[in-house]
Amino acid sequence: MSAPMRNFEPKEPVKLNPPKDDPISPELLATADGSDPAKVWVAIKGIVFDVSGNASYLPGGSYNVFAGKDASRGLAKSSVKREDALPQWEDLDDKEKGVLEEWFKFFSKRYNIVGKVTSANL
């Protein structure tokens, strides 16, 4: 897994909806795990993105480990290990936090924000 390019703009323009801040419980987030291709969510630092339509997050896809979870730690560590698909990122070093921020910007340019995880300390 490589970090996103520093140019965060998508190749093709993406029309995004205004961000929502609907409360999303960890249990509800877990249901958006790719088993229903129409509802696939990934959270970063407690912000939930709708990644439906990206086959990488569906079962068998390279990023499916993140579907239905807060993937902050795994993205920051550039890891797709199941044990790294966790919301804990505050204890990471500055370099990893920088990588996480780049992923957040990358997602923000491509996917609609559908809410915030209710247990996230933001």
N, C-alpha and C. Protein backbone atom coordinates (compact mmCIF):
# COMPACT_ATOMS: atom_id res chain seq x y z
N MET A 1 0.85 -1.17 0.00
CA MET A 1 0.00 0.00 0.00
C MET A 1 0.89 1.23 0.00
N SER A 2 0.67 2.11 -0.92
CA SER A 2 1.48 3.33 -0.95
C SER A 2 0.64 4.51 -0.52
N ALA A 3 1.33 5.52 -0.02
CA ALA A 3 0.64 6.75 0.38
C ALA A 3 0.10 7.44 -0.86
N PRO A 4 -0.97 8.19 -0.71
CA PRO A 4 -1.55 8.88 -1.87
C PRO A 4 -0.57 9.93 -2.40
N MET A 5 -0.74 10.25 -3.65
CA MET A 5 0.09 11.29 -4.23
C MET A 5 -0.23 12.63 -3.57
N ARG A 6 0.74 13.51 -3.54
CA ARG A 6 0.54 14.81 -2.91
C ARG A 6 -0.47 15.67 -3.67
N ASN A 7 -0.68 15.38 -4.93
CA ASN A 7 -1.73 16.08 -5.66
C ASN A 7 -3.04 15.38 -5.33
N PHE A 8 -3.84 16.02 -4.51
CA PHE A 8 -5.03 15.37 -3.99
C PHE A 8 -6.22 15.46 -4.94
N GLU A 9 -6.09 16.22 -6.01
CA GLU A 9 -7.20 16.36 -6.94
C GLU A 9 -7.39 15.07 -7.73
N PRO A 10 -8.64 14.60 -7.84
CA PRO A 10 -8.90 13.41 -8.64
C PRO A 10 -8.64 13.69 -10.12
N LYS A 11 -8.37 12.65 -10.89
CA LYS A 11 -8.15 12.80 -12.33
C LYS A 11 -9.38 13.39 -13.00
N GLU A 12 -10.53 12.89 -12.61
CA GLU A 12 -11.81 13.41 -13.11
C GLU A 12 -12.49 14.16 -11.98
N PRO A 13 -13.05 15.35 -12.25
CA PRO A 13 -13.72 16.10 -11.19
C PRO A 13 -14.85 15.28 -10.54
N VAL A 14 -14.96 15.39 -9.23
CA VAL A 14 -15.99 14.68 -8.48
C VAL A 14 -16.92 15.70 -7.86
N LYS A 15 -18.22 15.55 -8.11
CA LYS A 15 -19.20 16.45 -7.50
C LYS A 15 -19.62 15.84 -6.17
N LEU A 16 -19.23 16.49 -5.10
CA LEU A 16 -19.53 15.98 -3.76
C LEU A 16 -20.71 16.72 -3.16
N ASN A 17 -21.46 16.00 -2.34
CA ASN A 17 -22.54 16.60 -1.57
C ASN A 17 -21.95 17.38 -0.40
N PRO A 18 -22.71 18.34 0.14
CA PRO A 18 -22.22 19.01 1.36
C PRO A 18 -21.98 17.96 2.44
N PRO A 19 -20.90 18.09 3.22
CA PRO A 19 -20.62 17.11 4.27
C PRO A 19 -21.74 17.04 5.30
N LYS A 20 -22.05 15.84 5.75
CA LYS A 20 -23.04 15.64 6.81
C LYS A 20 -22.30 15.38 8.11
N ASP A 21 -22.95 15.68 9.22
CA ASP A 21 -22.34 15.30 10.51
C ASP A 21 -23.31 14.43 11.31
N ASP A 22 -24.05 13.59 10.58
CA ASP A 22 -24.97 12.66 11.24
C ASP A 22 -24.19 11.75 12.18
N PRO A 23 -24.75 11.49 13.36
CA PRO A 23 -24.07 10.56 14.27
C PRO A 23 -24.16 9.13 13.74
N ILE A 24 -23.03 8.45 13.69
CA ILE A 24 -22.98 7.06 13.21
C ILE A 24 -22.31 6.23 14.30
N SER A 25 -23.05 5.29 14.84
CA SER A 25 -22.49 4.43 15.88
C SER A 25 -21.48 3.48 15.27
N PRO A 26 -20.53 3.00 16.06
CA PRO A 26 -19.59 1.99 15.54
C PRO A 26 -20.33 0.76 15.00
N GLU A 27 -21.46 0.42 15.61
CA GLU A 27 -22.24 -0.72 15.16
C GLU A 27 -22.83 -0.47 13.76
N LEU A 28 -23.34 0.75 13.53
CA LEU A 28 -23.87 1.08 12.21
C LEU A 28 -22.75 1.13 11.18
N LEU A 29 -21.62 1.72 11.55
CA LEU A 29 -20.46 1.74 10.66
C LEU A 29 -20.09 0.32 10.25
N ALA A 30 -20.10 -0.60 11.19
CA ALA A 30 -19.71 -1.99 10.92
C ALA A 30 -20.62 -2.67 9.90
N THR A 31 -21.86 -2.20 9.76
CA THR A 31 -22.77 -2.80 8.79
C THR A 31 -22.44 -2.37 7.36
N ALA A 32 -21.64 -1.32 7.19
CA ALA A 32 -21.27 -0.81 5.87
C ALA A 32 -19.93 -1.39 5.44
N ASP A 33 -19.81 -2.72 5.54
CA ASP A 33 -18.54 -3.42 5.38
C ASP A 33 -18.29 -3.96 3.97
N GLY A 34 -19.14 -3.57 3.03
CA GLY A 34 -18.97 -4.05 1.66
C GLY A 34 -19.84 -5.23 1.31
N SER A 35 -20.50 -5.84 2.30
CA SER A 35 -21.38 -6.96 1.99
C SER A 35 -22.58 -6.48 1.16
N ASP A 36 -22.97 -5.21 1.31
CA ASP A 36 -23.95 -4.56 0.44
C ASP A 36 -23.18 -3.51 -0.35
N PRO A 37 -22.95 -3.74 -1.64
CA PRO A 37 -22.13 -2.80 -2.42
C PRO A 37 -22.70 -1.38 -2.47
N ALA A 38 -23.98 -1.21 -2.15
CA ALA A 38 -24.58 0.11 -2.18
C ALA A 38 -24.30 0.91 -0.91
N LYS A 39 -23.72 0.27 0.11
CA LYS A 39 -23.44 0.97 1.37
C LYS A 39 -22.09 0.50 1.91
N VAL A 40 -21.06 1.23 1.51
CA VAL A 40 -19.70 0.90 1.94
C VAL A 40 -19.09 2.18 2.51
N TRP A 41 -18.75 2.14 3.78
CA TRP A 41 -18.21 3.32 4.47
C TRP A 41 -16.84 3.01 5.06
N VAL A 42 -16.01 4.04 5.09
CA VAL A 42 -14.72 3.98 5.77
C VAL A 42 -14.59 5.27 6.57
N ALA A 43 -14.17 5.16 7.82
CA ALA A 43 -13.97 6.35 8.65
C ALA A 43 -12.47 6.63 8.78
N ILE A 44 -12.16 7.93 8.83
CA ILE A 44 -10.80 8.39 9.09
C ILE A 44 -10.90 9.46 10.17
N LYS A 45 -10.23 9.24 11.28
CA LYS A 45 -10.28 10.17 12.42
C LYS A 45 -11.72 10.48 12.81
N GLY A 46 -12.58 9.45 12.74
CA GLY A 46 -13.97 9.59 13.16
C GLY A 46 -14.90 10.16 12.11
N ILE A 47 -14.40 10.61 10.98
CA ILE A 47 -15.24 11.14 9.90
C ILE A 47 -15.53 10.00 8.94
N VAL A 48 -16.82 9.81 8.62
CA VAL A 48 -17.23 8.65 7.82
C VAL A 48 -17.42 9.06 6.35
N PHE A 49 -16.70 8.36 5.48
CA PHE A 49 -16.77 8.59 4.04
C PHE A 49 -17.53 7.45 3.38
N ASP A 50 -18.36 7.79 2.39
CA ASP A 50 -19.08 6.79 1.61
C ASP A 50 -18.21 6.41 0.41
N VAL A 51 -17.63 5.22 0.45
CA VAL A 51 -16.76 4.75 -0.62
C VAL A 51 -17.48 3.75 -1.53
N SER A 52 -18.81 3.72 -1.44
CA SER A 52 -19.61 2.84 -2.30
C SER A 52 -19.24 3.14 -3.75
N GLY A 53 -19.15 2.10 -4.55
CA GLY A 53 -18.81 2.29 -5.95
C GLY A 53 -17.33 2.06 -6.23
N ASN A 54 -16.51 1.98 -5.19
CA ASN A 54 -15.10 1.68 -5.37
C ASN A 54 -14.90 0.21 -5.02
N ALA A 55 -14.64 -0.59 -6.04
CA ALA A 55 -14.53 -2.04 -5.86
C ALA A 55 -13.41 -2.45 -4.91
N SER A 56 -12.44 -1.58 -4.67
CA SER A 56 -11.33 -1.90 -3.76
C SER A 56 -11.80 -2.16 -2.34
N TYR A 57 -12.99 -1.63 -1.98
CA TYR A 57 -13.50 -1.78 -0.61
C TYR A 57 -14.51 -2.91 -0.49
N LEU A 58 -14.83 -3.57 -1.59
CA LEU A 58 -15.76 -4.70 -1.56
C LEU A 58 -15.02 -5.98 -1.15
N PRO A 59 -15.75 -7.02 -0.72
CA PRO A 59 -15.10 -8.28 -0.38
C PRO A 59 -14.18 -8.74 -1.50
N GLY A 60 -12.95 -9.09 -1.12
CA GLY A 60 -11.95 -9.51 -2.10
C GLY A 60 -11.11 -8.35 -2.62
N GLY A 61 -11.54 -7.11 -2.34
CA GLY A 61 -10.80 -5.93 -2.79
C GLY A 61 -9.61 -5.65 -1.88
N SER A 62 -8.63 -4.95 -2.41
CA SER A 62 -7.38 -4.72 -1.68
C SER A 62 -7.57 -3.88 -0.41
N TYR A 63 -8.63 -3.08 -0.33
CA TYR A 63 -8.85 -2.25 0.86
C TYR A 63 -10.09 -2.67 1.65
N ASN A 64 -10.64 -3.86 1.36
CA ASN A 64 -11.84 -4.30 2.07
C ASN A 64 -11.64 -4.38 3.58
N VAL A 65 -10.42 -4.57 4.03
CA VAL A 65 -10.13 -4.63 5.47
C VAL A 65 -10.58 -3.35 6.17
N PHE A 66 -10.66 -2.23 5.44
CA PHE A 66 -11.05 -0.95 6.03
C PHE A 66 -12.56 -0.70 5.99
N ALA A 67 -13.29 -1.43 5.16
CA ALA A 67 -14.72 -1.20 5.00
C ALA A 67 -15.46 -1.48 6.30
N GLY A 68 -16.30 -0.53 6.69
CA GLY A 68 -17.08 -0.67 7.92
C GLY A 68 -16.29 -0.38 9.18
N LYS A 69 -15.12 0.25 9.03
CA LYS A 69 -14.26 0.51 10.19
C LYS A 69 -13.69 1.93 10.12
N ASP A 70 -13.16 2.38 11.24
CA ASP A 70 -12.32 3.57 11.23
C ASP A 70 -10.92 3.05 10.92
N ALA A 71 -10.41 3.41 9.77
CA ALA A 71 -9.15 2.86 9.25
C ALA A 71 -7.94 3.74 9.56
N SER A 72 -8.08 4.67 10.48
CA SER A 72 -7.03 5.67 10.72
C SER A 72 -5.65 5.06 10.93
N ARG A 73 -5.53 4.11 11.82
CA ARG A 73 -4.21 3.55 12.14
C ARG A 73 -3.60 2.84 10.93
N GLY A 74 -4.39 2.02 10.26
CA GLY A 74 -3.88 1.30 9.10
C GLY A 74 -3.44 2.23 7.98
N LEU A 75 -4.25 3.27 7.72
CA LEU A 75 -3.86 4.22 6.68
C LEU A 75 -2.58 4.95 7.07
N ALA A 76 -2.49 5.39 8.32
CA ALA A 76 -1.30 6.12 8.78
C ALA A 76 -0.05 5.27 8.68
N LYS A 77 -0.19 3.97 8.93
CA LYS A 77 0.96 3.06 8.92
C LYS A 77 1.16 2.41 7.55
N SER A 78 0.32 2.81 6.58
CA SER A 78 0.37 2.19 5.24
C SER A 78 0.29 0.67 5.35
N SER A 79 -0.66 0.21 6.16
CA SER A 79 -0.82 -1.22 6.43
C SER A 79 -2.25 -1.66 6.14
N VAL A 80 -2.39 -2.78 5.46
CA VAL A 80 -3.72 -3.36 5.25
C VAL A 80 -3.91 -4.61 6.11
N LYS A 81 -3.14 -4.70 7.19
CA LYS A 81 -3.32 -5.81 8.13
C LYS A 81 -4.59 -5.55 8.94
N ARG A 82 -5.37 -6.60 9.12
CA ARG A 82 -6.63 -6.48 9.85
C ARG A 82 -6.41 -5.88 11.25
N GLU A 83 -5.32 -6.26 11.91
CA GLU A 83 -5.07 -5.75 13.27
C GLU A 83 -4.73 -4.26 13.30
N ASP A 84 -4.42 -3.68 12.14
CA ASP A 84 -4.14 -2.24 12.08
C ASP A 84 -5.35 -1.41 11.67
N ALA A 85 -6.45 -2.05 11.30
CA ALA A 85 -7.67 -1.33 10.91
C ALA A 85 -8.40 -0.87 12.17
N LEU A 86 -7.81 0.11 12.83
CA LEU A 86 -8.29 0.62 14.12
C LEU A 86 -8.38 2.13 14.11
N PRO A 87 -9.23 2.69 14.98
CA PRO A 87 -9.35 4.15 15.04
C PRO A 87 -8.22 4.84 15.81
N GLN A 88 -7.43 4.11 16.57
CA GLN A 88 -6.40 4.74 17.39
C GLN A 88 -5.25 5.24 16.53
N TRP A 89 -5.02 6.55 16.56
CA TRP A 89 -3.94 7.14 15.77
C TRP A 89 -3.16 8.19 16.56
N GLU A 90 -3.69 8.62 17.70
CA GLU A 90 -3.08 9.71 18.45
C GLU A 90 -1.66 9.40 18.92
N ASP A 91 -1.33 8.12 19.12
CA ASP A 91 -0.02 7.73 19.63
C ASP A 91 1.02 7.53 18.53
N LEU A 92 0.65 7.76 17.29
CA LEU A 92 1.58 7.56 16.18
C LEU A 92 2.60 8.68 16.10
N ASP A 93 3.70 8.42 15.41
CA ASP A 93 4.72 9.47 15.27
C ASP A 93 4.27 10.52 14.25
N ASP A 94 4.99 11.61 14.19
CA ASP A 94 4.60 12.73 13.33
C ASP A 94 4.54 12.35 11.85
N LYS A 95 5.46 11.50 11.41
CA LYS A 95 5.46 11.07 10.02
C LYS A 95 4.17 10.32 9.69
N GLU A 96 3.80 9.39 10.56
CA GLU A 96 2.57 8.61 10.34
C GLU A 96 1.34 9.51 10.42
N LYS A 97 1.33 10.47 11.32
CA LYS A 97 0.21 11.41 11.39
C LYS A 97 0.12 12.23 10.11
N GLY A 98 1.27 12.56 9.53
CA GLY A 98 1.29 13.28 8.26
C GLY A 98 0.71 12.44 7.13
N VAL A 99 1.06 11.16 7.11
CA VAL A 99 0.51 10.23 6.11
C VAL A 99 -1.00 10.15 6.28
N LEU A 100 -1.47 10.06 7.52
CA LEU A 100 -2.90 9.99 7.78
C LEU A 100 -3.60 11.25 7.27
N GLU A 101 -3.00 12.41 7.51
CA GLU A 101 -3.59 13.67 7.03
C GLU A 101 -3.66 13.69 5.51
N GLU A 102 -2.65 13.14 4.84
CA GLU A 102 -2.69 13.06 3.38
C GLU A 102 -3.82 12.16 2.92
N TRP A 103 -4.02 11.03 3.58
CA TRP A 103 -5.15 10.15 3.24
C TRP A 103 -6.48 10.87 3.47
N PHE A 104 -6.57 11.62 4.57
CA PHE A 104 -7.82 12.34 4.84
C PHE A 104 -8.12 13.32 3.70
N LYS A 105 -7.11 14.06 3.25
CA LYS A 105 -7.31 15.01 2.14
C LYS A 105 -7.69 14.25 0.87
N PHE A 106 -7.03 13.13 0.63
CA PHE A 106 -7.30 12.31 -0.55
C PHE A 106 -8.78 11.88 -0.55
N PHE A 107 -9.25 11.33 0.57
CA PHE A 107 -10.65 10.90 0.67
C PHE A 107 -11.59 12.09 0.53
N SER A 108 -11.24 13.22 1.14
CA SER A 108 -12.10 14.40 1.13
C SER A 108 -12.37 14.93 -0.27
N LYS A 109 -11.46 14.68 -1.19
CA LYS A 109 -11.61 15.14 -2.57
C LYS A 109 -12.40 14.16 -3.43
N ARG A 110 -12.65 12.95 -2.90
CA ARG A 110 -13.25 11.90 -3.72
C ARG A 110 -14.56 11.31 -3.20
N TYR A 111 -14.77 11.38 -1.91
CA TYR A 111 -15.91 10.67 -1.32
C TYR A 111 -16.75 11.59 -0.45
N ASN A 112 -18.07 11.36 -0.48
CA ASN A 112 -18.98 12.14 0.36
C ASN A 112 -18.79 11.79 1.84
N ILE A 113 -18.85 12.81 2.66
CA ILE A 113 -18.83 12.61 4.12
C ILE A 113 -20.28 12.43 4.55
N VAL A 114 -20.54 11.27 5.19
CA VAL A 114 -21.91 10.94 5.58
C VAL A 114 -22.16 11.07 7.07
N GLY A 115 -21.13 11.32 7.86
CA GLY A 115 -21.35 11.50 9.29
C GLY A 115 -20.08 11.37 10.09
N LYS A 116 -20.29 11.29 11.41
CA LYS A 116 -19.18 11.13 12.37
C LYS A 116 -19.46 9.96 13.28
N VAL A 117 -18.41 9.20 13.56
CA VAL A 117 -18.57 8.08 14.48
C VAL A 117 -18.84 8.65 15.87
N THR A 118 -19.89 8.15 16.51
CA THR A 118 -20.32 8.71 17.79
C THR A 118 -19.31 8.56 18.89
N SER A 119 -18.45 7.55 18.82
CA SER A 119 -17.48 7.35 19.89
C SER A 119 -16.16 8.08 19.62
N ALA A 120 -16.07 8.76 18.48
CA ALA A 120 -14.80 9.43 18.13
C ALA A 120 -14.58 10.65 19.01
N ASN A 121 -13.36 10.78 19.51
CA ASN A 121 -13.00 11.95 20.31
C ASN A 121 -12.36 12.97 19.40
N LEU A 122 -13.17 13.86 18.85
CA LEU A 122 -12.65 14.85 17.91
C LEU A 122 -12.63 16.22 18.53
